[in-house]
PDB file of N, CA and C in Angstrom:
ATOM      1  N   MET A   1     -84.815 -18.698  10.482  1.00  0.00           N
ATOM      2  CA  MET A   1     -84.504 -20.220  10.593  1.00  0.00           C
ATOM      3  C   MET A   1     -83.271 -20.239  10.885  1.00  0.00           C
ATOM      4  N   HIS A   2     -82.895 -21.621  11.247  1.00  0.00           N
ATOM      5  CA  HIS A   2     -81.567 -21.701  11.220  1.00  0.00           C
ATOM      6  C   HIS A   2     -80.989 -22.846  10.285  1.00  0.00           C
ATOM      7  N   LEU A   3     -79.662 -22.460  10.011  1.00  0.00           N
ATOM      8  CA  LEU A   3     -79.211 -23.236   8.747  1.00  0.00           C
ATOM      9  C   LEU A   3     -77.540 -23.759   9.310  1.00  0.00           C
ATOM     10  N   GLU A   4     -77.362 -25.231   8.936  1.00  0.00           N
ATOM     11  CA  GLU A   4     -75.903 -25.546   9.238  1.00  0.00           C
ATOM     12  C   GLU A   4     -75.774 -26.145   7.855  1.00  0.00           C
ATOM     13  N   ILE A   5     -74.228 -26.041   7.621  1.00  0.00           N
ATOM     14  CA  ILE A   5     -73.757 -26.501   6.324  1.00  0.00           C
ATOM     15  C   ILE A   5     -72.590 -27.308   7.021  1.00  0.00           C
ATOM     16  N   ILE A   6     -72.557 -28.911   6.673  1.00  0.00           N
ATOM     17  CA  ILE A   6     -71.638 -29.522   7.060  1.00  0.00           C
ATOM     18  C   ILE A   6     -71.044 -30.379   5.952  1.00  0.00           C
ATOM     19  N   THR A   7     -69.740 -30.490   6.059  1.00  0.00           N
ATOM     20  CA  THR A   7     -68.980 -31.439   5.095  1.00  0.00           C
ATOM     21  C   THR A   7     -68.308 -32.449   5.994  1.00  0.00           C
ATOM     22  N   PRO A   8     -67.991 -33.565   5.378  1.00  0.00           N
ATOM     23  CA  PRO A   8     -67.141 -34.748   6.145  1.00  0.00           C
ATOM     24  C   PRO A   8     -65.877 -34.091   6.972  1.00  0.00           C
ATOM     25  N   GLU A   9     -65.369 -33.107   6.362  1.00  0.00           N
ATOM     26  CA  GLU A   9     -64.403 -32.562   7.159  1.00  0.00           C
ATOM     27  C   GLU A   9     -64.567 -31.682   8.366  1.00  0.00           C
ATOM     28  N   THR A  10     -65.686 -30.700   7.822  1.00  0.00           N
ATOM     29  CA  THR A  10     -65.877 -29.578   9.064  1.00  0.00           C
ATOM     30  C   THR A  10     -67.234 -29.107   8.877  1.00  0.00           C
ATOM     31  N   LYS A  11     -67.617 -28.061   9.662  1.00  0.00           N
ATOM     32  CA  LYS A  11     -69.059 -27.399   9.819  1.00  0.00           C
ATOM     33  C   LYS A  11     -68.429 -26.159   8.981  1.00  0.00           C
ATOM     34  N   ILE A  12     -69.121 -25.882   7.982  1.00  0.00           N
ATOM     35  CA  ILE A  12     -68.936 -24.671   7.256  1.00  0.00           C
ATOM     36  C   ILE A  12     -69.589 -23.296   7.733  1.00  0.00           C
ATOM     37  N   PHE A  13     -70.711 -23.628   8.285  1.00  0.00           N
ATOM     38  CA  PHE A  13     -71.790 -22.334   8.582  1.00  0.00           C
ATOM     39  C   PHE A  13     -72.656 -22.888   9.418  1.00  0.00           C
ATOM     40  N   SER A  14     -72.988 -22.393  10.589  1.00  0.00           N
ATOM     41  CA  SER A  14     -73.980 -22.387  11.532  1.00  0.00           C
ATOM     42  C   SER A  14     -74.769 -21.022  11.745  1.00  0.00           C
ATOM     43  N   GLY A  15     -75.892 -20.818  11.705  1.00  0.00           N
ATOM     44  CA  GLY A  15     -76.304 -19.463  11.878  1.00  0.00           C
ATOM     45  C   GLY A  15     -77.885 -19.125  11.519  1.00  0.00           C
ATOM     46  N   LYS A  16     -78.159 -18.062  11.798  1.00  0.00           N
ATOM     47  CA  LYS A  16     -79.669 -17.511  11.583  1.00  0.00           C
ATOM     48  C   LYS A  16     -79.674 -17.050  10.226  1.00  0.00           C
ATOM     49  N   VAL A  17     -80.753 -17.387   9.459  1.00  0.00           N
ATOM     50  CA  VAL A  17     -80.771 -16.899   8.075  1.00  0.00           C
ATOM     51  C   VAL A  17     -82.217 -16.601   7.621  1.00  0.00           C
ATOM     52  N   GLU A  18     -82.302 -15.799   6.661  1.00  0.00           N
ATOM     53  CA  GLU A  18     -83.695 -15.437   6.062  1.00  0.00           C
ATOM     54  C   GLU A  18     -84.110 -15.860   4.907  1.00  0.00           C
ATOM     55  N   ALA A  19     -83.290 -16.533   3.940  1.00  0.00           N
ATOM     56  CA  ALA A  19     -83.273 -17.397   3.009  1.00  0.00           C
ATOM     57  C   ALA A  19     -82.191 -17.998   2.364  1.00  0.00           C
ATOM     58  N   VAL A  20     -82.456 -19.343   1.778  1.00  0.00           N
ATOM     59  CA  VAL A  20     -81.269 -19.823   1.228  1.00  0.00           C
ATOM     60  C   VAL A  20     -81.662 -20.294  -0.131  1.00  0.00           C
ATOM     61  N   GLN A  21     -80.622 -20.162  -1.109  1.00  0.00           N
ATOM     62  CA  GLN A  21     -80.693 -20.629  -2.511  1.00  0.00           C
ATOM     63  C   GLN A  21     -80.097 -21.697  -2.549  1.00  0.00           C
ATOM     64  N   PHE A  22     -80.246 -22.773  -3.196  1.00  0.00           N
ATOM     65  CA  PHE A  22     -79.458 -23.874  -3.600  1.00  0.00           C
ATOM     66  C   PHE A  22     -79.491 -24.351  -4.858  1.00  0.00           C
ATOM     67  N   PRO A  23     -78.252 -24.758  -5.411  1.00  0.00           N
ATOM     68  CA  PRO A  23     -78.284 -25.572  -6.877  1.00  0.00           C
ATOM     69  C   PRO A  23     -78.775 -26.847  -6.629  1.00  0.00           C
ATOM     70  N   GLY A  24     -80.155 -27.112  -6.864  1.00  0.00           N
ATOM     71  CA  GLY A  24     -80.684 -28.670  -6.931  1.00  0.00           C
ATOM     72  C   GLY A  24     -80.442 -29.356  -8.081  1.00  0.00           C
ATOM     73  N   ILE A  25     -80.350 -30.511  -8.315  1.00  0.00           N
ATOM     74  CA  ILE A  25     -80.218 -31.154  -9.630  1.00  0.00           C
ATOM     75  C   ILE A  25     -81.292 -30.992 -10.822  1.00  0.00           C
ATOM     76  N   ASP A  26     -82.320 -30.235 -10.606  1.00  0.00           N
ATOM     77  CA  ASP A  26     -83.101 -30.110 -11.502  1.00  0.00           C
ATOM     78  C   ASP A  26     -83.143 -28.425 -11.539  1.00  0.00           C
ATOM     79  N   GLY A  27     -82.323 -27.750 -11.152  1.00  0.00           N
ATOM     80  CA  GLY A  27     -82.344 -26.579 -11.208  1.00  0.00           C
ATOM     81  C   GLY A  27     -82.074 -25.591  -9.758  1.00  0.00           C
ATOM     82  N   LEU A  28     -82.187 -24.384  -9.913  1.00  0.00           N
ATOM     83  CA  LEU A  28     -81.911 -23.420  -8.324  1.00  0.00           C
ATOM     84  C   LEU A  28     -83.525 -23.373  -7.949  1.00  0.00           C
ATOM     85  N   PHE A  29     -83.444 -23.783  -6.524  1.00  0.00           N
ATOM     86  CA  PHE A  29     -84.400 -23.398  -5.459  1.00  0.00           C
ATOM     87  C   PHE A  29     -84.179 -22.655  -4.202  1.00  0.00           C
ATOM     88  N   GLN A  30     -85.063 -22.155  -3.790  1.00  0.00           N
ATOM     89  CA  GLN A  30     -84.946 -21.328  -2.514  1.00  0.00           C
ATOM     90  C   GLN A  30     -85.983 -21.529  -1.314  1.00  0.00           C
ATOM     91  N   ILE A  31     -85.279 -21.646  -0.444  1.00  0.00           N
ATOM     92  CA  ILE A  31     -86.331 -21.933   1.061  1.00  0.00           C
ATOM     93  C   ILE A  31     -86.401 -20.625   2.006  1.00  0.00           C
ATOM     94  N   LEU A  32     -87.481 -20.293   2.310  1.00  0.00           N
ATOM     95  CA  LEU A  32     -87.659 -19.216   3.066  1.00  0.00           C
ATOM     96  C   LEU A  32     -88.348 -19.954   4.579  1.00  0.00           C
ATOM     97  N   ASN A  33     -88.366 -18.874   5.562  1.00  0.00           N
ATOM     98  CA  ASN A  33     -88.765 -19.398   6.692  1.00  0.00           C
ATOM     99  C   ASN A  33     -90.356 -20.048   6.565  1.00  0.00           C
ATOM    100  N   ASN A  34     -90.507 -20.942   7.313  1.00  0.00           N
ATOM    101  CA  ASN A  34     -91.729 -21.567   7.554  1.00  0.00           C
ATOM    102  C   ASN A  34     -92.031 -22.599   6.231  1.00  0.00           C
ATOM    103  N   HIS A  35     -91.080 -22.841   5.454  1.00  0.00           N
ATOM    104  CA  HIS A  35     -91.014 -23.437   4.532  1.00  0.00           C
ATOM    105  C   HIS A  35     -91.606 -25.118   4.684  1.00  0.00           C
ATOM    106  N   ALA A  36     -92.328 -25.555   3.611  1.00  0.00           N
ATOM    107  CA  ALA A  36     -92.786 -26.996   4.042  1.00  0.00           C
ATOM    108  C   ALA A  36     -91.455 -28.016   4.344  1.00  0.00           C
ATOM    109  N   PRO A  37     -91.781 -28.957   5.049  1.00  0.00           N
ATOM    110  CA  PRO A  37     -90.738 -30.021   4.807  1.00  0.00           C
ATOM    111  C   PRO A  37     -90.251 -30.622   3.808  1.00  0.00           C
ATOM    112  N   ILE A  38     -88.879 -30.563   3.597  1.00  0.00           N
ATOM    113  CA  ILE A  38     -88.365 -31.146   2.056  1.00  0.00           C
ATOM    114  C   ILE A  38     -87.072 -31.852   2.398  1.00  0.00           C
ATOM    115  N   ILE A  39     -86.694 -32.602   1.423  1.00  0.00           N
ATOM    116  CA  ILE A  39     -85.299 -33.000   1.263  1.00  0.00           C
ATOM    117  C   ILE A  39     -85.187 -33.317   0.158  1.00  0.00           C
ATOM    118  N   SER A  40     -83.900 -32.838  -0.790  1.00  0.00           N
ATOM    119  CA  SER A  40     -83.755 -32.720  -1.816  1.00  0.00           C
ATOM    120  C   SER A  40     -82.014 -32.812  -2.080  1.00  0.00           C
ATOM    121  N   ALA A  41     -81.866 -33.609  -3.296  1.00  0.00           N
ATOM    122  CA  ALA A  41     -80.424 -33.459  -3.689  1.00  0.00           C
ATOM    123  C   ALA A  41     -79.696 -32.296  -4.418  1.00  0.00           C
ATOM    124  N   LEU A  42     -78.379 -32.217  -3.986  1.00  0.00           N
ATOM    125  CA  LEU A  42     -77.919 -30.845  -4.695  1.00  0.00           C
ATOM    126  C   LEU A  42     -76.818 -31.180  -5.567  1.00  0.00           C
ATOM    127  N   ASP A  43     -76.821 -30.328  -6.718  1.00  0.00           N
ATOM    128  CA  ASP A  43     -75.886 -30.515  -7.587  1.00  0.00           C
ATOM    129  C   ASP A  43     -74.533 -29.811  -7.307  1.00  0.00           C
ATOM    130  N   HIS A  44     -73.594 -29.672  -7.996  1.00  0.00           N
ATOM    131  CA  HIS A  44     -72.449 -28.877  -7.923  1.00  0.00           C
ATOM    132  C   HIS A  44     -72.699 -27.586  -7.981  1.00  0.00           C
ATOM    133  N   GLY A  45     -72.305 -26.436  -7.569  1.00  0.00           N
ATOM    134  CA  GLY A  45     -72.814 -25.074  -7.551  1.00  0.00           C
ATOM    135  C   GLY A  45     -72.541 -24.429  -6.342  1.00  0.00           C
ATOM    136  N   VAL A  46     -73.204 -23.128  -6.240  1.00  0.00           N
ATOM    137  CA  VAL A  46     -73.019 -22.356  -5.214  1.00  0.00           C
ATOM    138  C   VAL A  46     -74.479 -22.266  -4.247  1.00  0.00           C
ATOM    139  N   ILE A  47     -74.324 -22.069  -3.047  1.00  0.00           N
ATOM    140  CA  ILE A  47     -75.467 -21.913  -1.790  1.00  0.00           C
ATOM    141  C   ILE A  47     -75.041 -20.453  -1.654  1.00  0.00           C
ATOM    142  N   LYS A  48     -76.353 -19.678  -2.316  1.00  0.00           N
ATOM    143  CA  LYS A  48     -76.248 -18.456  -1.757  1.00  0.00           C
ATOM    144  C   LYS A  48     -77.387 -18.138  -0.557  1.00  0.00           C
ATOM    145  N   ILE A  49     -77.005 -17.446   0.674  1.00  0.00           N
ATOM    146  CA  ILE A  49     -77.384 -17.320   1.801  1.00  0.00           C
ATOM    147  C   ILE A  49     -77.390 -16.073   2.239  1.00  0.00           C
ATOM    148  N   ASP A  50     -78.990 -15.575   2.405  1.00  0.00           N
ATOM    149  CA  ASP A  50     -79.316 -14.020   2.902  1.00  0.00           C
ATOM    150  C   ASP A  50     -79.349 -14.356   4.474  1.00  0.00           C
ATOM    151  N   LEU A  51     -78.352 -13.777   5.088  1.00  0.00           N
ATOM    152  CA  LEU A  51     -78.052 -13.765   6.546  1.00  0.00           C
ATOM    153  C   LEU A  51     -79.273 -12.796   7.227  1.00  0.00           C
ATOM    154  N   ALA A  52     -79.488 -13.298   8.394  1.00  0.00           N
ATOM    155  CA  ALA A  52     -80.555 -12.315   9.213  1.00  0.00           C
ATOM    156  C   ALA A  52     -79.846 -11.223   9.902  1.00  0.00           C
ATOM    157  N   GLU A  53     -78.142 -11.106   9.807  1.00  0.00           N
ATOM    158  CA  GLU A  53     -77.614 -10.166  10.267  1.00  0.00           C
ATOM    159  C   GLU A  53     -76.357 -10.077   9.493  1.00  0.00           C
ATOM    160  N   ALA A  54     -75.727  -8.728   9.487  1.00  0.00           N
ATOM    161  CA  ALA A  54     -74.459  -8.606   8.508  1.00  0.00           C
ATOM    162  C   ALA A  54     -73.256  -9.825   9.065  1.00  0.00           C
ATOM    163  N   PHE A  55     -72.763 -10.459   8.276  1.00  0.00           N
ATOM    164  CA  PHE A  55     -71.649 -11.472   8.099  1.00  0.00           C
ATOM    165  C   PHE A  55     -70.643 -10.706   8.452  1.00  0.00           C
ATOM    166  N   VAL A  56     -69.846 -11.204  10.054  1.00  0.00           N
ATOM    167  CA  VAL A  56     -68.355 -10.740  10.479  1.00  0.00           C
ATOM    168  C   VAL A  56     -67.705 -12.118   9.994  1.00  0.00           C
ATOM    169  N   LYS A  57     -66.751 -12.117   9.654  1.00  0.00           N
ATOM    170  CA  LYS A  57     -65.392 -12.888   9.497  1.00  0.00           C
ATOM    171  C   LYS A  57     -64.844 -13.193  10.610  1.00  0.00           C
ATOM    172  N   THR A  58     -64.631 -14.143  11.301  1.00  0.00           N
ATOM    173  CA  THR A  58     -63.919 -14.193  12.334  1.00  0.00           C
ATOM    174  C   THR A  58     -62.782 -15.476  11.901  1.00  0.00           C
ATOM    175  N   GLU A  59     -61.793 -15.608  13.250  1.00  0.00           N
ATOM    176  CA  GLU A  59     -60.687 -16.889  13.003  1.00  0.00           C
ATOM    177  C   GLU A  59     -61.595 -18.138  12.506  1.00  0.00           C
ATOM    178  N   ASP A  60     -62.531 -18.594  13.217  1.00  0.00           N
ATOM    179  CA  ASP A  60     -63.320 -19.695  13.172  1.00  0.00           C
ATOM    180  C   ASP A  60     -63.964 -19.886  11.905  1.00  0.00           C
ATOM    181  N   SER A  61     -64.197 -18.544  11.212  1.00  0.00           N
ATOM    182  CA  SER A  61     -64.920 -18.811   9.788  1.00  0.00           C
ATOM    183  C   SER A  61     -64.524 -19.470   8.399  1.00  0.00           C
ATOM    184  N   SER A  62     -64.992 -20.413   7.941  1.00  0.00           N
ATOM    185  CA  SER A  62     -64.490 -21.250   7.186  1.00  0.00           C
ATOM    186  C   SER A  62     -63.772 -20.287   5.778  1.00  0.00           C
ATOM    187  N   ILE A  63     -62.886 -21.005   5.401  1.00  0.00           N
ATOM    188  CA  ILE A  63     -62.312 -20.328   3.925  1.00  0.00           C
ATOM    189  C   ILE A  63     -63.120 -20.601   2.867  1.00  0.00           C
ATOM    190  N   LEU A  64     -64.229 -21.485   2.896  1.00  0.00           N
ATOM    191  CA  LEU A  64     -65.132 -21.685   1.671  1.00  0.00           C
ATOM    192  C   LEU A  64     -66.150 -20.587   1.563  1.00  0.00           C
ATOM    193  N   ILE A  65     -66.339 -19.565   2.941  1.00  0.00           N
ATOM    194  CA  ILE A  65     -67.394 -18.912   2.948  1.00  0.00           C
ATOM    195  C   ILE A  65     -66.932 -17.301   1.901  1.00  0.00           C
ATOM    196  N   GLU A  66     -67.645 -17.292   0.919  1.00  0.00           N
ATOM    197  CA  GLU A  66     -67.222 -15.865   0.102  1.00  0.00           C
ATOM    198  C   GLU A  66     -68.210 -14.953   0.093  1.00  0.00           C
ATOM    199  N   GLU A  67     -67.638 -13.858   0.898  1.00  0.00           N
ATOM    200  CA  GLU A  67     -68.504 -12.665   1.043  1.00  0.00           C
ATOM    201  C   GLU A  67     -68.781 -11.762  -0.032  1.00  0.00           C
ATOM    202  N   ASP A  68     -70.187 -11.197   0.064  1.00  0.00           N
ATOM    203  CA  ASP A  68     -70.627 -10.418  -1.042  1.00  0.00           C
ATOM    204  C   ASP A  68     -70.644  -8.976  -0.884  1.00  0.00           C
ATOM    205  N   ILE A  69     -70.764  -7.934  -1.899  1.00  0.00           N
ATOM    206  CA  ILE A  69     -71.030  -6.578  -1.395  1.00  0.00           C
ATOM    207  C   ILE A  69     -72.043  -6.512  -0.458  1.00  0.00           C
ATOM    208  N   ASN A  70     -73.052  -6.889  -0.420  1.00  0.00           N
ATOM    209  CA  ASN A  70     -74.092  -6.922   0.708  1.00  0.00           C
ATOM    210  C   ASN A  70     -73.474  -7.848   1.671  1.00  0.00           C
ATOM    211  N   PRO A  71     -73.304  -7.024   3.105  1.00  0.00           N
ATOM    212  CA  PRO A  71     -72.772  -7.736   4.157  1.00  0.00           C
ATOM    213  C   PRO A  71     -73.761  -8.488   4.700  1.00  0.00           C
ATOM    214  N   LYS A  72     -75.142  -8.755   4.057  1.00  0.00           N
ATOM    215  CA  LYS A  72     -75.979  -9.798   4.806  1.00  0.00           C
ATOM    216  C   LYS A  72     -76.103 -11.178   3.747  1.00  0.00           C
ATOM    217  N   ILE A  73     -75.106 -11.241   2.837  1.00  0.00           N
ATOM    218  CA  ILE A  73     -75.335 -12.144   1.852  1.00  0.00           C
ATOM    219  C   ILE A  73     -73.865 -12.874   1.733  1.00  0.00           C
ATOM    220  N   ILE A  74     -73.866 -14.352   1.627  1.00  0.00           N
ATOM    221  CA  ILE A  74     -72.575 -14.923   1.799  1.00  0.00           C
ATOM    222  C   ILE A  74     -73.044 -15.862   0.847  1.00  0.00           C
ATOM    223  N   ARG A  75     -71.978 -16.598  -0.038  1.00  0.00           N
ATOM    224  CA  ARG A  75     -72.091 -17.765  -0.620  1.00  0.00           C
ATOM    225  C   ARG A  75     -71.050 -18.955  -0.233  1.00  0.00           C
ATOM    226  N   VAL A  76     -71.311 -19.990  -0.661  1.00  0.00           N
ATOM    227  CA  VAL A  76     -70.663 -21.282  -0.410  1.00  0.00           C
ATOM    228  C   VAL A  76     -70.591 -22.053  -1.439  1.00  0.00           C
ATOM    229  N   GLY A  77     -69.366 -22.449  -2.073  1.00  0.00           N
ATOM    230  CA  GLY A  77     -69.263 -23.441  -2.880  1.00  0.00           C
ATOM    231  C   GLY A  77     -69.547 -24.886  -2.819  1.00  0.00           C
ATOM    232  N   ILE A  78     -70.190 -25.646  -3.288  1.00  0.00           N
ATOM    233  CA  ILE A  78     -70.079 -27.063  -2.970  1.00  0.00           C
ATOM    234  C   ILE A  78     -70.171 -27.813  -4.265  1.00  0.00           C
ATOM    235  N   LYS A  79     -69.839 -29.283  -4.081  1.00  0.00           N
ATOM    236  CA  LYS A  79     -69.645 -30.133  -4.966  1.00  0.00           C
ATOM    237  C   LYS A  79     -71.003 -31.126  -5.121  1.00  0.00           C
ATOM    238  N   GLY A  80     -71.572 -31.184  -4.349  1.00  0.00           N
ATOM    239  CA  GLY A  80     -73.083 -31.804  -4.357  1.00  0.00           C
ATOM    240  C   GLY A  80     -73.371 -32.028  -3.004  1.00  0.00           C
ATOM    241  N   GLY A  81     -74.508 -32.656  -2.851  1.00  0.00           N
ATOM    242  CA  GLY A  81     -75.207 -32.891  -1.520  1.00  0.00           C
ATOM    243  C   GLY A  81     -76.374 -33.029  -1.155  1.00  0.00           C
ATOM    244  N   VAL A  82     -76.840 -32.808   0.169  1.00  0.00           N
ATOM    245  CA  VAL A  82     -78.324 -33.393   0.490  1.00  0.00           C
ATOM    246  C   VAL A  82     -78.868 -32.120   1.384  1.00  0.00           C
ATOM    247  N   VAL A  83     -80.004 -31.589   1.073  1.00  0.00           N
ATOM    248  CA  VAL A  83     -80.660 -30.613   1.991  1.00  0.00           C
ATOM    249  C   VAL A  83     -81.895 -31.022   2.528  1.00  0.00           C
ATOM    250  N   GLU A  84     -81.995 -30.771   4.028  1.00  0.00           N
ATOM    251  CA  GLU A  84     -83.251 -31.136   4.526  1.00  0.00           C
ATOM    252  C   GLU A  84     -83.883 -30.109   5.231  1.00  0.00           C
ATOM    253  N   MET A  85     -85.080 -29.689   5.292  1.00  0.00           N
ATOM    254  CA  MET A  85     -85.914 -28.582   5.769  1.00  0.00           C
ATOM    255  C   MET A  85     -86.942 -28.934   6.743  1.00  0.00           C
ATOM    256  N   LEU A  86     -86.657 -28.934   7.926  1.00  0.00           N
ATOM    257  CA  LEU A  86     -87.788 -29.360   8.818  1.00  0.00           C
ATOM    258  C   LEU A  86     -88.048 -28.549  10.398  1.00  0.00           C
ATOM    259  N   ASN A  87     -89.130 -28.112  10.235  1.00  0.00           N
ATOM    260  CA  ASN A  87     -89.528 -26.959  11.514  1.00  0.00           C
ATOM    261  C   ASN A  87     -88.269 -25.935  11.472  1.00  0.00           C
ATOM    262  N   ASN A  88     -88.322 -25.432  10.468  1.00  0.00           N
ATOM    263  CA  ASN A  88     -87.181 -24.002  10.396  1.00  0.00           C
ATOM    264  C   ASN A  88     -85.888 -24.307  10.786  1.00  0.00           C
ATOM    265  N   LYS A  89     -85.436 -25.493  10.291  1.00  0.00           N
ATOM    266  CA  LYS A  89     -83.999 -25.666  10.281  1.00  0.00           C
ATOM    267  C   LYS A  89     -83.454 -26.664   9.310  1.00  0.00           C
ATOM    268  N   VAL A  90     -82.508 -25.967   8.714  1.00  0.00           N
ATOM    269  CA  VAL A  90     -81.901 -26.481   7.455  1.00  0.00           C
ATOM    270  C   VAL A  90     -80.680 -27.086   7.795  1.00  0.00           C
ATOM    271  N   ILE A  91     -80.618 -28.198   7.337  1.00  0.00           N
ATOM    272  CA  ILE A  91     -79.474 -28.957   7.424  1.00  0.00           C
ATOM    273  C   ILE A  91     -78.896 -29.513   5.901  1.00  0.00           C
ATOM    274  N   VAL A  92     -77.668 -28.999   5.766  1.00  0.00           N
ATOM    275  CA  VAL A  92     -76.933 -29.049   4.550  1.00  0.00           C
ATOM    276  C   VAL A  92     -75.879 -30.201   4.594  1.00  0.00           C
ATOM    277  N   LEU A  93     -76.118 -31.307   3.949  1.00  0.00           N
ATOM    278  CA  LEU A  93     -74.746 -32.416   3.912  1.00  0.00           C
ATOM    279  C   LEU A  93     -73.950 -32.023   2.662  1.00  0.00           C
ATOM    280  N   ALA A  94     -72.838 -31.572   2.719  1.00  0.00           N
ATOM    281  CA  ALA A  94     -72.251 -31.232   1.129  1.00  0.00           C
ATOM    282  C   ALA A  94     -71.108 -31.775   1.089  1.00  0.00           C
ATOM    283  N   GLU A  95     -70.394 -31.912  -0.017  1.00  0.00           N
ATOM    284  CA  GLU A  95     -69.482 -32.555  -0.328  1.00  0.00           C
ATOM    285  C   GLU A  95     -68.304 -31.222  -0.741  1.00  0.00           C
TER     286      GLU A  95
END
C-alpha cells in the first residue's frame, strides 16, 4: 500500500509500506494492506512505519523521520492529525 504523511509545511514521507501503526485518540491501531476504508483522528505520538524496502536516507528526507535498528522500520513523531485509508492508499494530515 502507499503512504503519504503531510504537514502544513511539507511532505514528510511518501512511499510503499507493509503496515503502519498510529497513535489514535482511543489508543494505538494498525493498518495493513487491503484494510477496510477508514478515517480516524490521531493523537500526539509516534507513527511506526514498516516499509516494503529498507529505508535509505537522502538529502530530501525529512528531519522528522527517525530510523530504527531494523532498516525497514522508521518512525515519525506527530502532534495530532487525521488519517484516511482508501483503496490501499493511506494519507495522513499531521501537525
